[in-house]
């Protein structure tokens, strides 16, 4: 995928905005706008949305440390991207906001479960320990999912802005 200079600048800024938005909301555990930005950028840029996602992932590693907790970031945000890529491109206008908010929320609700295979592998968890780890994280995943759902109210406005930036004036 060849990128234009404009796309490189936009993707760098989007990745930085994801990172900054996460920092600004750290006082609210598991509530942030990263998923919102990933859904919006994926709707607009499709495959190229992976660029800002990995700018975010690497900025997180650079500033917070490339420690064990960071490794699942390599795949966890790509799963959200994949969920969005699986949505039909032509969703009725009235359904789009709820569909995007729901996918964003689902990723939040499943975050601990998606993280669990890494935990099991690294710490040698058996199935029982992995399930216990998932269950222990349910309150955090509930907060994450609810936060993603309501944060998802910003997805359609962000899509509109990204389309204007991209030069696409379609709704």
C-alpha atoms as a PDB file:
ATOM      1  CA  UNK A   1       0.000   0.000   0.000  1.00  0.00           C
ATOM      2  CA  UNK A   2       1.558   3.211  -1.138  1.00  0.00           C
ATOM      3  CA  UNK A   3       0.913   6.201   1.106  1.00  0.00           C
ATOM      4  CA  UNK A   4       0.824   9.833   0.084  1.00  0.00           C
ATOM      5  CA  UNK A   5       2.584  12.475   2.181  1.00  0.00           C
ATOM      6  CA  UNK A   6      -0.866  13.687   3.273  1.00  0.00           C
ATOM      7  CA  UNK A   7      -1.818  10.182   4.453  1.00  0.00           C
ATOM      8  CA  UNK A   8       1.448   9.760   6.337  1.00  0.00           C
ATOM      9  CA  UNK A   9       0.796  13.028   8.176  1.00  0.00           C
ATOM     10  CA  UNK A  10      -2.856  12.177   8.881  1.00  0.00           C
ATOM     11  CA  UNK A  11      -2.043   8.660  10.102  1.00  0.00           C
ATOM     12  CA  UNK A  12       0.752   9.938  12.343  1.00  0.00           C
ATOM     13  CA  UNK A  13      -1.614  12.527  13.820  1.00  0.00           C
ATOM     14  CA  UNK A  14      -4.423   9.981  14.296  1.00  0.00           C
ATOM     15  CA  UNK A  15      -2.071   7.592  16.091  1.00  0.00           C
ATOM     16  CA  UNK A  16      -0.843  10.444  18.291  1.00  0.00           C
ATOM     17  CA  UNK A  17      -4.422  11.550  19.008  1.00  0.00           C
ATOM     18  CA  UNK A  18      -5.284   7.987  20.055  1.00  0.00           C
ATOM     19  CA  UNK A  19      -2.324   7.966  22.415  1.00  0.00           C
ATOM     20  CA  UNK A  20      -3.038  11.429  23.853  1.00  0.00           C
ATOM     21  CA  UNK A  21      -6.738  10.624  24.302  1.00  0.00           C
ATOM     22  CA  UNK A  22      -5.772   7.519  26.278  1.00  0.00           C
ATOM     23  CA  UNK A  23      -3.415   9.548  28.497  1.00  0.00           C
ATOM     24  CA  UNK A  24      -5.998  12.249  29.125  1.00  0.00           C
ATOM     25  CA  UNK A  25      -8.572   9.700  30.262  1.00  0.00           C
ATOM     26  CA  UNK A  26      -6.334   7.525  32.445  1.00  0.00           C
ATOM     27  CA  UNK A  27      -8.079   8.804  35.565  1.00  0.00           C
ATOM     28  CA  UNK A  28     -11.077   6.686  34.414  1.00  0.00           C
ATOM     29  CA  UNK A  29      -9.963   3.021  34.562  1.00  0.00           C
ATOM     30  CA  UNK A  30     -10.525   1.191  31.252  1.00  0.00           C
ATOM     31  CA  UNK A  31     -12.411   4.110  29.717  1.00  0.00           C
ATOM     32  CA  UNK A  32     -10.796   5.772  26.729  1.00  0.00           C
ATOM     33  CA  UNK A  33     -11.406   6.721  23.105  1.00  0.00           C
ATOM     34  CA  UNK A  34      -8.903   4.412  21.404  1.00  0.00           C
ATOM     35  CA  UNK A  35     -11.642   2.061  20.173  1.00  0.00           C
ATOM     36  CA  UNK A  36     -13.698   5.020  18.957  1.00  0.00           C
ATOM     37  CA  UNK A  37     -10.811   6.262  16.837  1.00  0.00           C
ATOM     38  CA  UNK A  38     -10.047   2.770  15.539  1.00  0.00           C
ATOM     39  CA  UNK A  39     -13.646   2.214  14.429  1.00  0.00           C
ATOM     40  CA  UNK A  40     -13.834   5.640  12.758  1.00  0.00           C
ATOM     41  CA  UNK A  41     -10.481   5.344  10.984  1.00  0.00           C
ATOM     42  CA  UNK A  42     -11.309   1.827   9.807  1.00  0.00           C
ATOM     43  CA  UNK A  43     -14.647   2.924   8.353  1.00  0.00           C
ATOM     44  CA  UNK A  44     -12.925   5.710   6.409  1.00  0.00           C
ATOM     45  CA  UNK A  45      -9.498   4.294   5.561  1.00  0.00           C
ATOM     46  CA  UNK A  46     -10.209   0.527   5.602  1.00  0.00           C
ATOM     47  CA  UNK A  47      -6.886  -1.419   5.339  1.00  0.00           C
ATOM     48  CA  UNK A  48      -4.838   1.752   5.747  1.00  0.00           C
ATOM     49  CA  UNK A  49      -6.342   2.222   9.219  1.00  0.00           C
ATOM     50  CA  UNK A  50      -3.697  -0.222  10.427  1.00  0.00           C
ATOM     51  CA  UNK A  51      -1.101   2.558  10.104  1.00  0.00           C
ATOM     52  CA  UNK A  52      -2.545   4.865  12.794  1.00  0.00           C
ATOM     53  CA  UNK A  53      -3.369   1.846  14.953  1.00  0.00           C
ATOM     54  CA  UNK A  54       0.278   0.795  14.983  1.00  0.00           C
ATOM     55  CA  UNK A  55       1.472   4.365  15.459  1.00  0.00           C
ATOM     56  CA  UNK A  56      -0.651   4.290  18.633  1.00  0.00           C
ATOM     57  CA  UNK A  57       0.688   0.863  19.652  1.00  0.00           C
ATOM     58  CA  UNK A  58       4.310   1.918  19.210  1.00  0.00           C
ATOM     59  CA  UNK A  59       3.829   5.291  20.908  1.00  0.00           C
ATOM     60  CA  UNK A  60       2.378   3.400  23.856  1.00  0.00           C
ATOM     61  CA  UNK A  61       5.421   1.137  23.944  1.00  0.00           C
ATOM     62  CA  UNK A  62       7.853   4.025  23.583  1.00  0.00           C
ATOM     63  CA  UNK A  63       6.342   6.132  26.365  1.00  0.00           C
ATOM     64  CA  UNK A  64       4.996   3.457  28.731  1.00  0.00           C
ATOM     65  CA  UNK A  65       7.637   0.799  28.120  1.00  0.00           C
ATOM     66  CA  UNK A  66       7.815  -2.269  25.928  1.00  0.00           C
ATOM     67  CA  UNK A  67       6.984  -4.544  28.850  1.00  0.00           C
ATOM     68  CA  UNK A  68       5.017  -7.800  28.914  1.00  0.00           C
ATOM     69  CA  UNK A  69       1.623  -6.040  29.194  1.00  0.00           C
ATOM     70  CA  UNK A  70       2.331  -4.264  25.878  1.00  0.00           C
ATOM     71  CA  UNK A  71       2.717  -7.393  23.714  1.00  0.00           C
ATOM     72  CA  UNK A  72      -1.056  -8.070  23.399  1.00  0.00           C
ATOM     73  CA  UNK A  73      -1.448  -4.524  22.025  1.00  0.00           C
ATOM     74  CA  UNK A  74       0.165  -5.896  18.867  1.00  0.00           C
ATOM     75  CA  UNK A  75      -2.924  -8.027  18.194  1.00  0.00           C
ATOM     76  CA  UNK A  76      -5.739  -6.748  20.413  1.00  0.00           C
ATOM     77  CA  UNK A  77      -6.401  -3.521  18.477  1.00  0.00           C
ATOM     78  CA  UNK A  78      -6.144  -5.365  15.166  1.00  0.00           C
ATOM     79  CA  UNK A  79      -9.049  -7.546  16.295  1.00  0.00           C
ATOM     80  CA  UNK A  80     -11.242  -4.442  16.637  1.00  0.00           C
ATOM     81  CA  UNK A  81     -10.078  -3.339  13.178  1.00  0.00           C
ATOM     82  CA  UNK A  82     -11.038  -6.784  11.823  1.00  0.00           C
ATOM     83  CA  UNK A  83     -14.508  -6.619  13.445  1.00  0.00           C
ATOM     84  CA  UNK A  84     -15.117  -3.307  11.678  1.00  0.00           C
ATOM     85  CA  UNK A  85     -13.737  -4.607   8.385  1.00  0.00           C
ATOM     86  CA  UNK A  86     -16.298  -7.430   8.542  1.00  0.00           C
ATOM     87  CA  UNK A  87     -19.208  -4.990   8.732  1.00  0.00           C
ATOM     88  CA  UNK A  88     -20.965  -4.353   5.418  1.00  0.00           C
ATOM     89  CA  UNK A  89     -19.791  -1.148   3.727  1.00  0.00           C
ATOM     90  CA  UNK A  90     -23.362  -0.077   3.002  1.00  0.00           C
ATOM     91  CA  UNK A  91     -25.143  -0.018   6.325  1.00  0.00           C
ATOM     92  CA  UNK A  92     -28.396   2.005   6.415  1.00  0.00           C
ATOM     93  CA  UNK A  93     -27.695   5.506   7.791  1.00  0.00           C
ATOM     94  CA  UNK A  94     -29.999   5.066  10.780  1.00  0.00           C
ATOM     95  CA  UNK A  95     -28.261   1.835  11.799  1.00  0.00           C
ATOM     96  CA  UNK A  96     -24.632   2.983  11.347  1.00  0.00           C
ATOM     97  CA  UNK A  97     -24.233   4.768  14.701  1.00  0.00           C
ATOM     98  CA  UNK A  98     -25.640   1.852  16.710  1.00  0.00           C
ATOM     99  CA  UNK A  99     -23.683  -0.731  14.687  1.00  0.00           C
ATOM    100  CA  UNK A 100     -20.397   1.117  15.184  1.00  0.00           C
ATOM    101  CA  UNK A 101     -21.090   1.803  18.864  1.00  0.00           C
ATOM    102  CA  UNK A 102     -21.999  -1.863  19.402  1.00  0.00           C
ATOM    103  CA  UNK A 103     -18.827  -3.192  17.754  1.00  0.00           C
ATOM    104  CA  UNK A 104     -16.775  -0.763  19.827  1.00  0.00           C
ATOM    105  CA  UNK A 105     -18.584  -1.875  22.998  1.00  0.00           C
ATOM    106  CA  UNK A 106     -18.238  -5.570  22.146  1.00  0.00           C
ATOM    107  CA  UNK A 107     -14.473  -5.160  21.864  1.00  0.00           C
ATOM    108  CA  UNK A 108     -14.420  -3.536  25.304  1.00  0.00           C
ATOM    109  CA  UNK A 109     -16.534  -6.299  26.845  1.00  0.00           C
ATOM    110  CA  UNK A 110     -14.245  -8.940  25.313  1.00  0.00           C
ATOM    111  CA  UNK A 111     -10.960  -7.175  26.036  1.00  0.00           C
ATOM    112  CA  UNK A 112      -9.956  -9.420  28.948  1.00  0.00           C
ATOM    113  CA  UNK A 113     -10.935 -12.552  27.037  1.00  0.00           C
ATOM    114  CA  UNK A 114      -8.889 -11.380  24.043  1.00  0.00           C
ATOM    115  CA  UNK A 115      -5.941 -10.670  26.339  1.00  0.00           C
ATOM    116  CA  UNK A 116      -6.241 -14.063  28.090  1.00  0.00           C
ATOM    117  CA  UNK A 117      -4.427 -16.254  25.526  1.00  0.00           C
ATOM    118  CA  UNK A 118      -1.278 -14.167  26.006  1.00  0.00           C
ATOM    119  CA  UNK A 119      -1.597 -14.382  29.790  1.00  0.00           C
ATOM    120  CA  UNK A 120      -2.078 -18.145  29.591  1.00  0.00           C
ATOM    121  CA  UNK A 121       0.915 -18.591  27.318  1.00  0.00           C
ATOM    122  CA  UNK A 122       3.323 -16.359  29.237  1.00  0.00           C
ATOM    123  CA  UNK A 123       2.329 -17.394  32.749  1.00  0.00           C
ATOM    124  CA  UNK A 124       1.631 -21.041  31.956  1.00  0.00           C
ATOM    125  CA  UNK A 125      -2.032 -20.867  32.930  1.00  0.00           C
ATOM    126  CA  UNK A 126      -4.109 -23.980  32.440  1.00  0.00           C
ATOM    127  CA  UNK A 127      -7.730 -23.649  31.295  1.00  0.00           C
ATOM    128  CA  UNK A 128      -9.041 -23.213  34.865  1.00  0.00           C
ATOM    129  CA  UNK A 129      -6.534 -20.468  35.672  1.00  0.00           C
ATOM    130  CA  UNK A 130      -7.257 -18.727  32.362  1.00  0.00           C
ATOM    131  CA  UNK A 131     -10.997 -18.763  33.033  1.00  0.00           C
ATOM    132  CA  UNK A 132     -10.407 -17.498  36.584  1.00  0.00           C
ATOM    133  CA  UNK A 133      -8.267 -14.662  35.161  1.00  0.00           C
ATOM    134  CA  UNK A 134     -11.050 -13.752  32.713  1.00  0.00           C
ATOM    135  CA  UNK A 135     -13.699 -13.837  35.455  1.00  0.00           C
ATOM    136  CA  UNK A 136     -11.583 -11.663  37.757  1.00  0.00           C
ATOM    137  CA  UNK A 137     -11.415  -9.046  34.991  1.00  0.00           C
ATOM    138  CA  UNK A 138     -15.147  -8.962  34.214  1.00  0.00           C
ATOM    139  CA  UNK A 139     -15.843  -5.757  36.209  1.00  0.00           C
ATOM    140  CA  UNK A 140     -13.073  -3.990  34.262  1.00  0.00           C
ATOM    141  CA  UNK A 141     -14.370  -5.345  30.957  1.00  0.00           C
ATOM    142  CA  UNK A 142     -17.884  -4.165  31.801  1.00  0.00           C
ATOM    143  CA  UNK A 143     -16.561  -0.646  32.462  1.00  0.00           C
ATOM    144  CA  UNK A 144     -14.533  -0.863  29.249  1.00  0.00           C
ATOM    145  CA  UNK A 145     -17.531  -1.994  27.164  1.00  0.00           C
ATOM    146  CA  UNK A 146     -19.910   0.599  28.591  1.00  0.00           C
ATOM    147  CA  UNK A 147     -17.300   3.332  28.151  1.00  0.00           C
ATOM    148  CA  UNK A 148     -16.715   2.237  24.548  1.00  0.00           C
ATOM    149  CA  UNK A 149     -20.445   2.223  23.836  1.00  0.00           C
ATOM    150  CA  UNK A 150     -21.025   5.755  25.082  1.00  0.00           C
ATOM    151  CA  UNK A 151     -17.721   7.001  23.696  1.00  0.00           C
ATOM    152  CA  UNK A 152     -19.021   5.565  20.437  1.00  0.00           C
ATOM    153  CA  UNK A 153     -21.373   8.546  20.217  1.00  0.00           C
ATOM    154  CA  UNK A 154     -18.326  10.336  18.784  1.00  0.00           C
ATOM    155  CA  UNK A 155     -17.739   7.813  15.984  1.00  0.00           C
ATOM    156  CA  UNK A 156     -20.072   9.357  13.387  1.00  0.00           C
ATOM    157  CA  UNK A 157     -18.791  12.936  13.937  1.00  0.00           C
ATOM    158  CA  UNK A 158     -15.189  11.667  13.685  1.00  0.00           C
ATOM    159  CA  UNK A 159     -16.052   9.767  10.487  1.00  0.00           C
ATOM    160  CA  UNK A 160     -17.493  12.973   9.032  1.00  0.00           C
ATOM    161  CA  UNK A 161     -14.332  14.915   9.868  1.00  0.00           C
ATOM    162  CA  UNK A 162     -12.060  12.166   8.520  1.00  0.00           C
ATOM    163  CA  UNK A 163     -14.013  12.006   5.257  1.00  0.00           C
ATOM    164  CA  UNK A 164     -13.706  15.780   4.878  1.00  0.00           C
ATOM    165  CA  UNK A 165      -9.981  15.530   5.537  1.00  0.00           C
ATOM    166  CA  UNK A 166      -9.725  12.703   3.036  1.00  0.00           C
ATOM    167  CA  UNK A 167     -11.729  14.676   0.480  1.00  0.00           C
ATOM    168  CA  UNK A 168     -14.752  12.386   0.527  1.00  0.00           C
ATOM    169  CA  UNK A 169     -18.031  14.222   1.025  1.00  0.00           C
ATOM    170  CA  UNK A 170     -20.293  11.150   1.145  1.00  0.00           C
ATOM    171  CA  UNK A 171     -22.313  10.354   4.247  1.00  0.00           C
END
